[in-house]
Structure formats: structure tokens, C-alpha cells
C-alpha atoms as a PDB file:
ATOM      1  CA  UNK A   1       3.715  72.793   0.962  1.00  0.00           C
ATOM      2  CA  UNK A   2       5.083  76.230   1.855  1.00  0.00           C
ATOM      3  CA  UNK A   3       2.434  78.785   2.643  1.00  0.00           C
ATOM      4  CA  UNK A   4       3.949  82.182   1.789  1.00  0.00           C
ATOM      5  CA  UNK A   5       2.776  84.979   4.043  1.00  0.00           C
ATOM      6  CA  UNK A   6       2.474  88.583   2.937  1.00  0.00           C
ATOM      7  CA  UNK A   7       3.148  91.798   4.804  1.00  0.00           C
ATOM      8  CA  UNK A   8      -0.611  92.148   5.337  1.00  0.00           C
ATOM      9  CA  UNK A   9      -0.796  88.652   6.873  1.00  0.00           C
ATOM     10  CA  UNK A  10       2.009  89.404   9.330  1.00  0.00           C
ATOM     11  CA  UNK A  11       0.779  92.873  10.341  1.00  0.00           C
ATOM     12  CA  UNK A  12      -2.793  91.641  10.770  1.00  0.00           C
ATOM     13  CA  UNK A  13      -1.538  88.793  12.964  1.00  0.00           C
ATOM     14  CA  UNK A  14       0.397  91.229  15.178  1.00  0.00           C
ATOM     15  CA  UNK A  15      -2.663  93.486  15.391  1.00  0.00           C
ATOM     16  CA  UNK A  16      -4.774  90.454  16.313  1.00  0.00           C
ATOM     17  CA  UNK A  17      -2.353  89.548  19.122  1.00  0.00           C
ATOM     18  CA  UNK A  18      -2.881  93.057  20.478  1.00  0.00           C
ATOM     19  CA  UNK A  19      -6.645  92.524  20.195  1.00  0.00           C
ATOM     20  CA  UNK A  20      -6.386  89.233  22.119  1.00  0.00           C
ATOM     21  CA  UNK A  21      -4.528  90.824  25.026  1.00  0.00           C
ATOM     22  CA  UNK A  22      -7.068  92.012  27.579  1.00  0.00           C
ATOM     23  CA  UNK A  23      -4.837  94.798  28.930  1.00  0.00           C
ATOM     24  CA  UNK A  24      -4.452  96.514  25.540  1.00  0.00           C
ATOM     25  CA  UNK A  25      -7.167  99.039  24.696  1.00  0.00           C
ATOM     26  CA  UNK A  26      -5.890 100.279  21.319  1.00  0.00           C
ATOM     27  CA  UNK A  27      -3.648  98.802  18.624  1.00  0.00           C
ATOM     28  CA  UNK A  28      -2.154 100.759  15.747  1.00  0.00           C
ATOM     29  CA  UNK A  29       0.408 100.359  12.987  1.00  0.00           C
ATOM     30  CA  UNK A  30       2.619 102.779  11.072  1.00  0.00           C
ATOM     31  CA  UNK A  31       5.349 105.292  11.697  1.00  0.00           C
ATOM     32  CA  UNK A  32       5.753 106.111  15.378  1.00  0.00           C
ATOM     33  CA  UNK A  33       4.996 109.779  14.717  1.00  0.00           C
ATOM     34  CA  UNK A  34       1.606 108.761  13.317  1.00  0.00           C
ATOM     35  CA  UNK A  35       0.348 107.928  16.822  1.00  0.00           C
ATOM     36  CA  UNK A  36      -2.183 110.587  17.743  1.00  0.00           C
ATOM     37  CA  UNK A  37      -1.572 111.035  21.455  1.00  0.00           C
ATOM     38  CA  UNK A  38      -3.479 114.321  21.431  1.00  0.00           C
ATOM     39  CA  UNK A  39      -6.696 112.610  20.378  1.00  0.00           C
ATOM     40  CA  UNK A  40      -8.960 112.314  23.408  1.00  0.00           C
ATOM     41  CA  UNK A  41     -10.560 109.220  21.810  1.00  0.00           C
ATOM     42  CA  UNK A  42      -7.343 107.171  21.942  1.00  0.00           C
ATOM     43  CA  UNK A  43      -7.700 104.645  24.747  1.00  0.00           C
ATOM     44  CA  UNK A  44      -4.689 103.441  26.691  1.00  0.00           C
ATOM     45  CA  UNK A  45      -2.765 101.171  27.134  1.00  0.00           C
ATOM     46  CA  UNK A  46      -1.745 101.295  23.490  1.00  0.00           C
ATOM     47  CA  UNK A  47       0.266  98.791  21.431  1.00  0.00           C
ATOM     48  CA  UNK A  48       1.855 100.322  18.338  1.00  0.00           C
ATOM     49  CA  UNK A  49       3.569  98.373  15.547  1.00  0.00           C
ATOM     50  CA  UNK A  50       6.239 100.255  13.593  1.00  0.00           C
ATOM     51  CA  UNK A  51       7.528  98.333  10.529  1.00  0.00           C
ATOM     52  CA  UNK A  52      11.290  98.715  10.071  1.00  0.00           C
ATOM     53  CA  UNK A  53      12.470  96.299   7.324  1.00  0.00           C
ATOM     54  CA  UNK A  54      12.235  92.824   5.791  1.00  0.00           C
ATOM     55  CA  UNK A  55      15.213  90.511   5.369  1.00  0.00           C
ATOM     56  CA  UNK A  56      15.402  87.391   3.238  1.00  0.00           C
ATOM     57  CA  UNK A  57      16.830  83.962   3.937  1.00  0.00           C
ATOM     58  CA  UNK A  58      17.084  80.858   1.769  1.00  0.00           C
ATOM     59  CA  UNK A  59      13.466  79.863   2.385  1.00  0.00           C
ATOM     60  CA  UNK A  60      12.116  82.529   4.702  1.00  0.00           C
ATOM     61  CA  UNK A  61      11.366  86.197   5.142  1.00  0.00           C
ATOM     62  CA  UNK A  62      11.891  88.044   8.410  1.00  0.00           C
ATOM     63  CA  UNK A  63       9.537  90.979   8.914  1.00  0.00           C
ATOM     64  CA  UNK A  64      11.140  93.338  11.443  1.00  0.00           C
ATOM     65  CA  UNK A  65       9.145  95.675  13.652  1.00  0.00           C
ATOM     66  CA  UNK A  66       9.494  97.991  16.612  1.00  0.00           C
ATOM     67  CA  UNK A  67       6.752  97.264  19.130  1.00  0.00           C
ATOM     68  CA  UNK A  68       5.725 100.048  21.513  1.00  0.00           C
ATOM     69  CA  UNK A  69       3.576  99.347  24.554  1.00  0.00           C
ATOM     70  CA  UNK A  70       2.611 102.500  26.417  1.00  0.00           C
ATOM     71  CA  UNK A  71       0.170 103.928  28.895  1.00  0.00           C
ATOM     72  CA  UNK A  72      -0.625 107.342  30.285  1.00  0.00           C
ATOM     73  CA  UNK A  73       1.101 108.420  33.472  1.00  0.00           C
ATOM     74  CA  UNK A  74      -1.070 110.172  35.995  1.00  0.00           C
ATOM     75  CA  UNK A  75      -0.141 112.406  38.858  1.00  0.00           C
ATOM     76  CA  UNK A  76      -2.148 112.372  42.061  1.00  0.00           C
ATOM     77  CA  UNK A  77      -1.469 113.622  45.538  1.00  0.00           C
ATOM     78  CA  UNK A  78      -2.024 110.139  47.008  1.00  0.00           C
ATOM     79  CA  UNK A  79       0.556 108.256  44.891  1.00  0.00           C
ATOM     80  CA  UNK A  80       3.048 108.757  47.744  1.00  0.00           C
ATOM     81  CA  UNK A  81       0.809 106.457  49.827  1.00  0.00           C
ATOM     82  CA  UNK A  82       2.186 103.505  47.834  1.00  0.00           C
ATOM     83  CA  UNK A  83       5.738 104.517  48.738  1.00  0.00           C
ATOM     84  CA  UNK A  84       4.834 104.693  52.440  1.00  0.00           C
ATOM     85  CA  UNK A  85       3.188 101.251  52.329  1.00  0.00           C
ATOM     86  CA  UNK A  86       6.378  99.724  50.929  1.00  0.00           C
ATOM     87  CA  UNK A  87       8.306 100.658  54.113  1.00  0.00           C
ATOM     88  CA  UNK A  88      11.062 102.418  52.200  1.00  0.00           C
ATOM     89  CA  UNK A  89      12.240 105.185  54.477  1.00  0.00           C
ATOM     90  CA  UNK A  90      14.768 106.647  52.039  1.00  0.00           C
ATOM     91  CA  UNK A  91      12.669 106.346  48.883  1.00  0.00           C
ATOM     92  CA  UNK A  92      12.183 109.653  47.117  1.00  0.00           C
ATOM     93  CA  UNK A  93       8.505 110.538  47.188  1.00  0.00           C
ATOM     94  CA  UNK A  94       6.742 110.867  43.870  1.00  0.00           C
ATOM     95  CA  UNK A  95       3.312 111.995  42.784  1.00  0.00           C
ATOM     96  CA  UNK A  96       3.363 109.805  39.671  1.00  0.00           C
ATOM     97  CA  UNK A  97       2.368 106.208  38.922  1.00  0.00           C
ATOM     98  CA  UNK A  98       5.181 105.856  36.356  1.00  0.00           C
ATOM     99  CA  UNK A  99       6.693 102.823  38.113  1.00  0.00           C
ATOM    100  CA  UNK A 100       3.337 101.003  38.014  1.00  0.00           C
ATOM    101  CA  UNK A 101       2.856 101.893  34.344  1.00  0.00           C
ATOM    102  CA  UNK A 102       6.338 100.594  33.501  1.00  0.00           C
ATOM    103  CA  UNK A 103       5.635  97.401  35.454  1.00  0.00           C
ATOM    104  CA  UNK A 104       2.350  96.691  33.668  1.00  0.00           C
ATOM    105  CA  UNK A 105       3.518  97.602  30.160  1.00  0.00           C
ATOM    106  CA  UNK A 106       6.662  95.457  30.548  1.00  0.00           C
ATOM    107  CA  UNK A 107       4.438  92.489  31.362  1.00  0.00           C
ATOM    108  CA  UNK A 108       2.449  93.126  28.170  1.00  0.00           C
ATOM    109  CA  UNK A 109       5.717  93.147  26.178  1.00  0.00           C
ATOM    110  CA  UNK A 110       6.780  89.779  27.561  1.00  0.00           C
ATOM    111  CA  UNK A 111       3.264  88.406  26.933  1.00  0.00           C
ATOM    112  CA  UNK A 112       3.484  89.564  23.312  1.00  0.00           C
ATOM    113  CA  UNK A 113       6.861  87.854  22.810  1.00  0.00           C
ATOM    114  CA  UNK A 114       5.521  84.719  24.487  1.00  0.00           C
ATOM    115  CA  UNK A 115       2.491  84.603  22.193  1.00  0.00           C
ATOM    116  CA  UNK A 116       4.791  84.565  19.165  1.00  0.00           C
ATOM    117  CA  UNK A 117       7.165  82.009  20.681  1.00  0.00           C
ATOM    118  CA  UNK A 118       4.817  79.495  22.273  1.00  0.00           C
ATOM    119  CA  UNK A 119       1.156  80.276  21.822  1.00  0.00           C
ATOM    120  CA  UNK A 120      -1.492  78.574  19.727  1.00  0.00           C
ATOM    121  CA  UNK A 121      -2.473  82.117  18.704  1.00  0.00           C
ATOM    122  CA  UNK A 122       0.382  82.050  16.206  1.00  0.00           C
ATOM    123  CA  UNK A 123      -1.369  79.331  14.195  1.00  0.00           C
ATOM    124  CA  UNK A 124      -4.019  79.722  11.587  1.00  0.00           C
ATOM    125  CA  UNK A 125      -7.155  81.290  12.990  1.00  0.00           C
ATOM    126  CA  UNK A 126      -9.541  78.542  13.992  1.00  0.00           C
ATOM    127  CA  UNK A 127      -6.874  75.802  13.855  1.00  0.00           C
ATOM    128  CA  UNK A 128      -5.660  76.426  17.439  1.00  0.00           C
ATOM    129  CA  UNK A 129      -2.865  73.843  17.070  1.00  0.00           C
ATOM    130  CA  UNK A 130       0.517  74.731  18.594  1.00  0.00           C
ATOM    131  CA  UNK A 131       2.165  72.215  16.243  1.00  0.00           C
ATOM    132  CA  UNK A 132       1.086  74.164  13.171  1.00  0.00           C
ATOM    133  CA  UNK A 133       2.524  77.635  13.710  1.00  0.00           C
ATOM    134  CA  UNK A 134       2.769  80.040  10.814  1.00  0.00           C
ATOM    135  CA  UNK A 135       4.603  82.926  12.477  1.00  0.00           C
ATOM    136  CA  UNK A 136       7.769  82.520  14.529  1.00  0.00           C
ATOM    137  CA  UNK A 137      10.161  84.654  16.502  1.00  0.00           C
ATOM    138  CA  UNK A 138      13.532  83.715  17.900  1.00  0.00           C
ATOM    139  CA  UNK A 139      16.595  85.183  19.535  1.00  0.00           C
ATOM    140  CA  UNK A 140      16.752  87.288  22.663  1.00  0.00           C
ATOM    141  CA  UNK A 141      15.102  90.665  23.048  1.00  0.00           C
ATOM    142  CA  UNK A 142      16.158  93.935  24.591  1.00  0.00           C
ATOM    143  CA  UNK A 143      13.116  95.738  25.935  1.00  0.00           C
ATOM    144  CA  UNK A 144      13.911  99.407  26.460  1.00  0.00           C
ATOM    145  CA  UNK A 145      11.948 101.824  28.669  1.00  0.00           C
ATOM    146  CA  UNK A 146      10.907 105.275  27.546  1.00  0.00           C
ATOM    147  CA  UNK A 147       9.145 108.157  29.213  1.00  0.00           C
ATOM    148  CA  UNK A 148       8.259 111.646  28.089  1.00  0.00           C
ATOM    149  CA  UNK A 149       9.189 110.608  24.568  1.00  0.00           C
ATOM    150  CA  UNK A 150       5.920 112.057  23.289  1.00  0.00           C
ATOM    151  CA  UNK A 151       3.969 115.252  23.908  1.00  0.00           C
ATOM    152  CA  UNK A 152       1.662 113.561  26.414  1.00  0.00           C
ATOM    153  CA  UNK A 153       2.735 112.206  29.768  1.00  0.00           C
ATOM    154  CA  UNK A 154       3.098 108.559  28.843  1.00  0.00           C
ATOM    155  CA  UNK A 155       5.707 105.899  29.306  1.00  0.00           C
ATOM    156  CA  UNK A 156       6.254 102.294  28.415  1.00  0.00           C
ATOM    157  CA  UNK A 157       8.624  99.994  26.627  1.00  0.00           C
ATOM    158  CA  UNK A 158       9.839  99.436  23.071  1.00  0.00           C
ATOM    159  CA  UNK A 159      11.520  96.395  21.555  1.00  0.00           C
ATOM    160  CA  UNK A 160      12.510  95.125  18.129  1.00  0.00           C
ATOM    161  CA  UNK A 161      11.089  91.843  16.966  1.00  0.00           C
ATOM    162  CA  UNK A 162      11.571  89.787  13.826  1.00  0.00           C
ATOM    163  CA  UNK A 163       8.673  87.652  12.650  1.00  0.00           C
ATOM    164  CA  UNK A 164       9.878  84.697  10.578  1.00  0.00           C
ATOM    165  CA  UNK A 165       7.658  83.212   7.890  1.00  0.00           C
ATOM    166  CA  UNK A 166       8.295  80.580   5.267  1.00  0.00           C
ATOM    167  CA  UNK A 167       8.771  81.728   1.685  1.00  0.00           C
ATOM    168  CA  UNK A 168       9.612  79.462  -1.233  1.00  0.00           C
ATOM    169  CA  UNK A 169      10.421  82.361  -3.590  1.00  0.00           C
ATOM    170  CA  UNK A 170       8.141  80.826  -6.217  1.00  0.00           C
ATOM    171  CA  UNK A 171       9.107  81.960  -9.719  1.00  0.00           C
ATOM    172  CA  UNK A 172       6.407  80.200 -11.745  1.00  0.00           C
ATOM    173  CA  UNK A 173       3.714  82.808 -11.259  1.00  0.00           C
ATOM    174  CA  UNK A 174       5.660  86.078 -11.379  1.00  0.00           C
ATOM    175  CA  UNK A 175       3.757  88.616 -13.528  1.00  0.00           C
ATOM    176  CA  UNK A 176       6.425  89.268 -16.173  1.00  0.00           C
ATOM    177  CA  UNK A 177       6.452  88.829 -19.928  1.00  0.00           C
ATOM    178  CA  UNK A 178       8.872  86.592 -21.800  1.00  0.00           C
ATOM    179  CA  UNK A 179      10.142  89.538 -23.822  1.00  0.00           C
ATOM    180  CA  UNK A 180      13.821  90.083 -23.156  1.00  0.00           C
ATOM    181  CA  UNK A 181      14.259  86.651 -21.569  1.00  0.00           C
ATOM    182  CA  UNK A 182      17.450  86.156 -23.612  1.00  0.00           C
ATOM    183  CA  UNK A 183      18.925  89.339 -22.095  1.00  0.00           C
END
């Protein structure tokens, strides 16, 4: 039996994966410009899900999203201490933790992809059976860094992901009348 999944099912599953990840403080969904980075109540790191399109196959739908993982960059006078500890004599000194933020947010991105590829978290809630996944992802991913893309000093990574779900394109229960069936 094919269990068709709706847009709400897929988005809620992606939001739940963000909730499961202990390094993510806030999850959101919508257009990228809807992220309120000026709100002092937004906690970082943030995972944002931007829907892009849905494609159809013979017996599947692919829900496509841009996933943003970002954190605030801070500037402190002692960030250069990390550079000195690394014994890099020619390394340009910086007062920012941008490299650390990029390192940590990249790890969250690969965790997120891994949860959709291999984790029991992709199965029905409560089932916890890796052999009964509902949501899939495949292919290779390009994870692209960004910084200063927004008004606030934040950086992170963005990648496109397609979430595959079964769909039998059932025509028995479509809410249409029989009028005009003869065309």
C-alpha cells in the first residue's frame, strides 16, 4: 500500500529533524527573506527551510528545498588567540569566529543529510524502524558557504535537497463531478 505524503507531512518532518538536532536552536520555514534576523528573540544556530518546487515521477513526488544553516558571527579581541595556538606564523589575524561558525554549521548540514539518508528518524514517528522509511533523499549535494548575506553578521551554509516520497496518483477520490466527462 502506498502512503501518499503531503507538503505538510514533508515540511513537518524536516522541521522535526531540526528539532531533533541538539545544536539547532530555532527552525523556520518559508521564503528566505521571511527570516527575522533583527528580532532579538531569534536564537541561533538557525535552520531555515525554503521550499523551491515539487517534481513528479511515475510513482513519486520530489519536494525540493533550500536548507540554510546559520549562526551569528561574533568579534572579540581574543579570537586571535586561536590563530596563535595553531602555530601558523603567516596566518592573517582575525577578530572573528567565522571559521568556527562555518565549521560547526557545515557539520549540522551533513548531519541533516545523513538523517534523511540513513536515520530511523525518517520513519513514522514512534515506529523507529530503519527498514520502514517514508522520506528519502538521494544524489550528491553541493553545500555552499555564505557570509554577510543578511543584515546581521551571520554566516553558514546552504544546500538544495530533494525529499522523495511515494505517490500513487490515486484518481478514485478526486473531488470532481461527472459533468463534462465526455469532453
